[in-house]
């Protein structure tokens, strides 16, 4: 589903813009980019994305895992985590939110396309 609407939640502006460009080149529609959990919740409610690409470490006092849990409970939107961290405790905590997958930074286009295709 190439016309899927995607919300990017990423606190590194350069990574977010790079990801947006890659997604748009693949034919996806990027609704918006935000860098914190509270805005992600608001934008999810307002824009009804098909998928959220969520960084685990975000600006503010709510991280990506807590944000994904709230989104899952309130809106039932699939989440794929973006992370530079793959330690056991982080992955174990993130798995509780039942994500559709993980993309470890730096990412590759093929990996993104595969996971998005499975999620939507």
N, C-alpha and C. Protein backbone atom coordinates (compact mmCIF):
# COMPACT_ATOMS: atom_id res chain seq x y z
N UNK A 1 0.85 -1.18 0.00
CA UNK A 1 0.00 0.00 0.00
C UNK A 1 0.89 1.24 0.00
N UNK A 2 1.30 1.66 -1.16
CA UNK A 2 2.29 2.71 -1.29
C UNK A 2 1.75 4.08 -0.89
N UNK A 3 0.46 4.29 -0.93
CA UNK A 3 -0.08 5.60 -0.57
C UNK A 3 -0.39 5.70 0.92
N UNK A 4 0.19 4.85 1.74
CA UNK A 4 -0.03 4.87 3.17
C UNK A 4 0.44 6.18 3.78
N UNK A 5 -0.30 6.62 4.79
CA UNK A 5 0.02 7.86 5.50
C UNK A 5 0.86 7.52 6.73
N UNK A 6 2.03 8.15 6.81
CA UNK A 6 2.98 7.82 7.87
C UNK A 6 3.31 9.06 8.69
N UNK A 7 3.33 8.86 10.02
CA UNK A 7 3.78 9.90 10.95
C UNK A 7 5.16 9.50 11.43
N UNK A 8 6.11 10.43 11.37
CA UNK A 8 7.47 10.19 11.86
C UNK A 8 7.61 10.87 13.21
N UNK A 9 8.04 10.09 14.20
CA UNK A 9 8.31 10.63 15.54
C UNK A 9 9.79 10.37 15.81
N UNK A 10 10.60 11.40 15.65
CA UNK A 10 12.07 11.27 15.70
C UNK A 10 12.65 12.56 16.23
N UNK A 11 13.50 12.49 17.25
CA UNK A 11 14.04 13.71 17.86
C UNK A 11 15.28 14.24 17.18
N UNK A 12 15.87 13.50 16.27
CA UNK A 12 17.02 13.98 15.52
C UNK A 12 16.50 14.52 14.18
N UNK A 13 16.53 15.84 14.03
CA UNK A 13 15.94 16.50 12.86
C UNK A 13 16.54 15.99 11.55
N UNK A 14 17.84 15.80 11.51
CA UNK A 14 18.49 15.35 10.27
C UNK A 14 18.04 13.95 9.90
N UNK A 15 17.96 13.05 10.89
CA UNK A 15 17.47 11.69 10.65
C UNK A 15 16.02 11.73 10.17
N UNK A 16 15.21 12.58 10.80
CA UNK A 16 13.79 12.68 10.43
C UNK A 16 13.62 13.15 8.99
N UNK A 17 14.35 14.17 8.60
CA UNK A 17 14.24 14.70 7.24
C UNK A 17 14.75 13.68 6.23
N UNK A 18 15.85 13.01 6.55
CA UNK A 18 16.38 11.97 5.67
C UNK A 18 15.37 10.84 5.50
N UNK A 19 14.76 10.43 6.59
CA UNK A 19 13.74 9.38 6.54
C UNK A 19 12.54 9.82 5.71
N UNK A 20 12.11 11.05 5.89
CA UNK A 20 10.99 11.60 5.13
C UNK A 20 11.28 11.54 3.62
N UNK A 21 12.47 11.96 3.24
CA UNK A 21 12.86 11.95 1.83
C UNK A 21 12.85 10.51 1.28
N UNK A 22 13.41 9.58 2.05
CA UNK A 22 13.42 8.18 1.61
C UNK A 22 12.00 7.64 1.44
N UNK A 23 11.14 7.93 2.41
CA UNK A 23 9.76 7.44 2.35
C UNK A 23 9.01 8.03 1.16
N UNK A 24 9.17 9.32 0.93
CA UNK A 24 8.49 9.96 -0.19
C UNK A 24 9.01 9.42 -1.53
N UNK A 25 10.30 9.15 -1.61
CA UNK A 25 10.86 8.56 -2.82
C UNK A 25 10.31 7.15 -3.07
N UNK A 26 9.89 6.47 -2.00
CA UNK A 26 9.28 5.15 -2.12
C UNK A 26 7.79 5.24 -2.43
N UNK A 27 7.25 6.46 -2.41
CA UNK A 27 5.84 6.64 -2.73
C UNK A 27 4.92 6.78 -1.54
N UNK A 28 5.47 6.83 -0.33
CA UNK A 28 4.64 7.00 0.86
C UNK A 28 4.36 8.47 1.12
N UNK A 29 3.27 8.73 1.81
CA UNK A 29 2.90 10.10 2.16
C UNK A 29 3.22 10.33 3.63
N UNK A 30 4.14 11.25 3.91
CA UNK A 30 4.51 11.58 5.28
C UNK A 30 3.61 12.71 5.75
N UNK A 31 2.78 12.40 6.73
CA UNK A 31 1.83 13.37 7.27
C UNK A 31 2.53 14.51 7.98
N UNK A 32 3.50 14.13 8.82
CA UNK A 32 4.16 15.14 9.64
C UNK A 32 5.36 14.49 10.33
N UNK A 33 6.17 15.34 10.95
CA UNK A 33 7.30 14.92 11.76
C UNK A 33 7.15 15.61 13.11
N UNK A 34 7.37 14.87 14.18
CA UNK A 34 7.41 15.47 15.51
C UNK A 34 8.55 14.85 16.29
N UNK A 35 8.96 15.54 17.35
CA UNK A 35 10.13 15.08 18.09
C UNK A 35 9.83 14.70 19.54
N UNK A 36 8.52 14.66 19.91
CA UNK A 36 8.20 14.32 21.29
C UNK A 36 6.88 13.56 21.38
N UNK A 37 6.71 12.88 22.49
CA UNK A 37 5.55 12.01 22.67
C UNK A 37 4.22 12.73 22.72
N UNK A 38 4.18 13.88 23.37
CA UNK A 38 2.91 14.60 23.49
C UNK A 38 2.40 15.07 22.12
N UNK A 39 3.30 15.60 21.32
CA UNK A 39 2.90 16.00 19.97
C UNK A 39 2.51 14.79 19.12
N UNK A 40 3.20 13.68 19.32
CA UNK A 40 2.87 12.46 18.58
C UNK A 40 1.44 12.01 18.89
N UNK A 41 1.04 12.09 20.15
CA UNK A 41 -0.33 11.73 20.53
C UNK A 41 -1.34 12.66 19.88
N UNK A 42 -1.05 13.95 19.91
CA UNK A 42 -1.95 14.94 19.31
C UNK A 42 -2.06 14.74 17.80
N UNK A 43 -0.91 14.59 17.14
CA UNK A 43 -0.91 14.42 15.68
C UNK A 43 -1.56 13.11 15.26
N UNK A 44 -1.42 12.08 16.07
CA UNK A 44 -2.09 10.81 15.77
C UNK A 44 -3.61 11.00 15.80
N UNK A 45 -4.08 11.68 16.82
CA UNK A 45 -5.51 11.95 16.93
C UNK A 45 -6.01 12.80 15.77
N UNK A 46 -5.25 13.81 15.40
CA UNK A 46 -5.69 14.77 14.38
C UNK A 46 -5.55 14.23 12.95
N UNK A 47 -4.54 13.41 12.68
CA UNK A 47 -4.25 13.03 11.29
C UNK A 47 -4.58 11.58 10.94
N UNK A 48 -4.81 10.75 11.95
CA UNK A 48 -5.18 9.35 11.72
C UNK A 48 -4.21 8.64 10.75
N UNK A 49 -2.93 8.51 11.14
CA UNK A 49 -1.97 7.87 10.25
C UNK A 49 -2.24 6.37 10.12
N UNK A 50 -1.74 5.79 9.03
CA UNK A 50 -1.81 4.35 8.84
C UNK A 50 -0.70 3.64 9.60
N UNK A 51 0.38 4.39 9.88
CA UNK A 51 1.56 3.82 10.51
C UNK A 51 2.36 4.93 11.17
N UNK A 52 3.03 4.58 12.26
CA UNK A 52 3.92 5.53 12.93
C UNK A 52 5.31 4.92 13.01
N UNK A 53 6.31 5.68 12.57
CA UNK A 53 7.71 5.31 12.76
C UNK A 53 8.17 6.08 14.00
N UNK A 54 8.48 5.36 15.07
CA UNK A 54 8.69 5.95 16.39
C UNK A 54 10.10 5.71 16.90
N UNK A 55 10.81 6.80 17.15
CA UNK A 55 12.10 6.68 17.82
C UNK A 55 11.84 6.32 19.28
N UNK A 56 12.70 5.53 19.87
CA UNK A 56 12.52 5.16 21.27
C UNK A 56 12.90 6.30 22.19
N UNK A 57 13.98 6.99 21.89
CA UNK A 57 14.40 8.12 22.72
C UNK A 57 13.89 9.41 22.10
N UNK A 58 13.04 10.11 22.85
CA UNK A 58 12.43 11.35 22.36
C UNK A 58 12.73 12.50 23.29
N UNK A 59 12.49 13.70 22.82
CA UNK A 59 12.58 14.87 23.67
C UNK A 59 11.42 14.87 24.64
N UNK A 60 11.63 15.45 25.81
CA UNK A 60 10.55 15.54 26.79
C UNK A 60 10.57 14.39 27.78
N UNK A 61 9.54 14.33 28.58
CA UNK A 61 9.51 13.36 29.67
C UNK A 61 8.75 12.08 29.36
N UNK A 62 8.30 11.91 28.13
CA UNK A 62 7.65 10.67 27.72
C UNK A 62 8.43 10.11 26.52
N UNK A 63 8.93 8.89 26.67
CA UNK A 63 9.75 8.33 25.60
C UNK A 63 8.88 7.64 24.54
N UNK A 64 9.52 7.09 23.53
CA UNK A 64 8.80 6.48 22.43
C UNK A 64 8.03 5.23 22.83
N UNK A 65 8.55 4.49 23.79
CA UNK A 65 7.86 3.28 24.23
C UNK A 65 6.56 3.65 24.94
N UNK A 66 6.62 4.60 25.87
CA UNK A 66 5.41 5.04 26.56
C UNK A 66 4.41 5.66 25.58
N UNK A 67 4.92 6.42 24.63
CA UNK A 67 4.05 7.02 23.62
C UNK A 67 3.38 5.95 22.76
N UNK A 68 4.14 4.96 22.34
CA UNK A 68 3.59 3.87 21.53
C UNK A 68 2.51 3.11 22.30
N UNK A 69 2.73 2.91 23.59
CA UNK A 69 1.73 2.21 24.41
C UNK A 69 0.42 2.99 24.44
N UNK A 70 0.52 4.29 24.62
CA UNK A 70 -0.69 5.13 24.65
C UNK A 70 -1.38 5.15 23.29
N UNK A 71 -0.60 5.23 22.23
CA UNK A 71 -1.17 5.23 20.88
C UNK A 71 -1.87 3.89 20.60
N UNK A 72 -1.23 2.81 21.02
CA UNK A 72 -1.82 1.49 20.84
C UNK A 72 -3.15 1.37 21.58
N UNK A 73 -3.20 1.89 22.79
CA UNK A 73 -4.42 1.82 23.60
C UNK A 73 -5.52 2.72 23.05
N UNK A 74 -5.16 3.94 22.67
CA UNK A 74 -6.17 4.93 22.26
C UNK A 74 -6.56 4.83 20.79
N UNK A 75 -5.60 4.56 19.90
CA UNK A 75 -5.85 4.72 18.47
C UNK A 75 -5.61 3.46 17.64
N UNK A 76 -4.96 2.47 18.19
CA UNK A 76 -4.70 1.21 17.49
C UNK A 76 -3.98 1.40 16.16
N UNK A 77 -2.99 2.29 16.14
CA UNK A 77 -2.19 2.54 14.95
C UNK A 77 -0.90 1.73 15.07
N UNK A 78 -0.52 0.98 14.04
CA UNK A 78 0.72 0.20 14.11
C UNK A 78 1.94 1.10 14.26
N UNK A 79 2.90 0.61 15.04
CA UNK A 79 4.14 1.35 15.30
C UNK A 79 5.32 0.47 14.92
N UNK A 80 6.25 1.09 14.22
CA UNK A 80 7.57 0.49 13.97
C UNK A 80 8.57 1.37 14.68
N UNK A 81 9.39 0.77 15.52
CA UNK A 81 10.38 1.55 16.26
C UNK A 81 11.61 1.83 15.42
N UNK A 82 12.11 3.05 15.58
CA UNK A 82 13.41 3.46 15.04
C UNK A 82 14.32 3.55 16.26
N UNK A 83 15.46 2.93 16.20
CA UNK A 83 16.33 3.00 17.37
C UNK A 83 17.79 2.80 17.03
N UNK A 84 18.60 3.43 17.79
CA UNK A 84 20.04 3.19 17.74
C UNK A 84 20.44 2.26 18.86
N UNK A 85 19.47 1.92 19.70
CA UNK A 85 19.70 1.07 20.86
C UNK A 85 19.06 -0.29 20.64
N UNK A 86 19.81 -1.33 20.89
CA UNK A 86 19.23 -2.67 20.78
C UNK A 86 19.62 -3.53 21.97
N UNK A 87 19.76 -2.88 23.14
CA UNK A 87 20.07 -3.63 24.34
C UNK A 87 18.84 -4.42 24.80
N UNK A 88 19.06 -5.48 25.52
CA UNK A 88 18.00 -6.40 25.90
C UNK A 88 16.88 -5.74 26.70
N UNK A 89 17.23 -4.88 27.64
CA UNK A 89 16.20 -4.24 28.47
C UNK A 89 15.30 -3.33 27.66
N UNK A 90 15.87 -2.57 26.75
CA UNK A 90 15.07 -1.67 25.91
C UNK A 90 14.15 -2.48 25.00
N UNK A 91 14.67 -3.51 24.37
CA UNK A 91 13.87 -4.34 23.47
C UNK A 91 12.77 -5.07 24.25
N UNK A 92 13.11 -5.57 25.42
CA UNK A 92 12.11 -6.25 26.25
C UNK A 92 10.98 -5.29 26.62
N UNK A 93 11.32 -4.09 27.02
CA UNK A 93 10.32 -3.08 27.38
C UNK A 93 9.49 -2.69 26.16
N UNK A 94 10.14 -2.53 25.01
CA UNK A 94 9.44 -2.14 23.79
C UNK A 94 8.52 -3.26 23.29
N UNK A 95 8.91 -4.49 23.47
CA UNK A 95 8.10 -5.62 23.00
C UNK A 95 6.72 -5.68 23.66
N UNK A 96 6.60 -5.13 24.85
CA UNK A 96 5.32 -5.12 25.55
C UNK A 96 4.27 -4.35 24.74
N UNK A 97 4.71 -3.39 23.94
CA UNK A 97 3.78 -2.57 23.14
C UNK A 97 3.38 -3.26 21.84
N UNK A 98 3.90 -4.43 21.58
CA UNK A 98 3.59 -5.21 20.38
C UNK A 98 3.82 -4.43 19.08
N UNK A 99 5.06 -3.95 18.89
CA UNK A 99 5.36 -3.21 17.66
C UNK A 99 5.34 -4.13 16.45
N UNK A 100 5.26 -3.52 15.27
CA UNK A 100 5.30 -4.28 14.04
C UNK A 100 6.74 -4.54 13.61
N UNK A 101 7.69 -3.99 14.33
CA UNK A 101 9.08 -4.25 14.03
C UNK A 101 10.00 -3.16 14.53
N UNK A 102 11.27 -3.32 14.21
CA UNK A 102 12.32 -2.40 14.61
C UNK A 102 13.17 -2.08 13.40
N UNK A 103 13.54 -0.84 13.31
CA UNK A 103 14.52 -0.41 12.31
C UNK A 103 15.69 0.15 13.10
N UNK A 104 16.83 -0.48 12.99
CA UNK A 104 18.01 -0.03 13.71
C UNK A 104 18.75 0.97 12.84
N UNK A 105 19.04 2.12 13.43
CA UNK A 105 19.77 3.16 12.71
C UNK A 105 21.24 2.76 12.62
N UNK A 106 21.90 3.02 11.54
CA UNK A 106 21.38 3.61 10.31
C UNK A 106 20.52 2.59 9.55
N UNK A 107 19.50 3.08 8.91
CA UNK A 107 18.53 2.21 8.25
C UNK A 107 18.82 2.09 6.76
N UNK A 108 18.22 1.08 6.15
CA UNK A 108 18.32 0.87 4.71
C UNK A 108 16.92 0.88 4.12
N UNK A 109 16.79 1.37 2.90
CA UNK A 109 15.49 1.48 2.24
C UNK A 109 14.75 0.15 2.18
N UNK A 110 15.45 -0.90 1.85
CA UNK A 110 14.80 -2.22 1.72
C UNK A 110 14.17 -2.66 3.03
N UNK A 111 14.88 -2.44 4.12
CA UNK A 111 14.37 -2.80 5.44
C UNK A 111 13.10 -2.01 5.76
N UNK A 112 13.11 -0.71 5.46
CA UNK A 112 11.95 0.13 5.71
C UNK A 112 10.76 -0.34 4.87
N UNK A 113 10.98 -0.57 3.58
CA UNK A 113 9.88 -1.01 2.70
C UNK A 113 9.29 -2.34 3.16
N UNK A 114 10.12 -3.25 3.56
CA UNK A 114 9.65 -4.56 4.01
C UNK A 114 8.77 -4.43 5.25
N UNK A 115 9.24 -3.70 6.25
CA UNK A 115 8.48 -3.57 7.48
C UNK A 115 7.19 -2.79 7.29
N UNK A 116 7.24 -1.72 6.49
CA UNK A 116 6.03 -0.95 6.24
C UNK A 116 5.01 -1.80 5.49
N UNK A 117 5.48 -2.55 4.52
CA UNK A 117 4.59 -3.43 3.78
C UNK A 117 3.89 -4.44 4.66
N UNK A 118 4.58 -4.95 5.64
CA UNK A 118 3.99 -5.91 6.58
C UNK A 118 3.02 -5.24 7.54
N UNK A 119 3.31 -4.00 7.91
CA UNK A 119 2.50 -3.32 8.92
C UNK A 119 1.18 -2.78 8.37
N UNK A 120 1.18 -2.37 7.10
CA UNK A 120 -0.06 -1.75 6.56
C UNK A 120 -0.74 -2.64 5.63
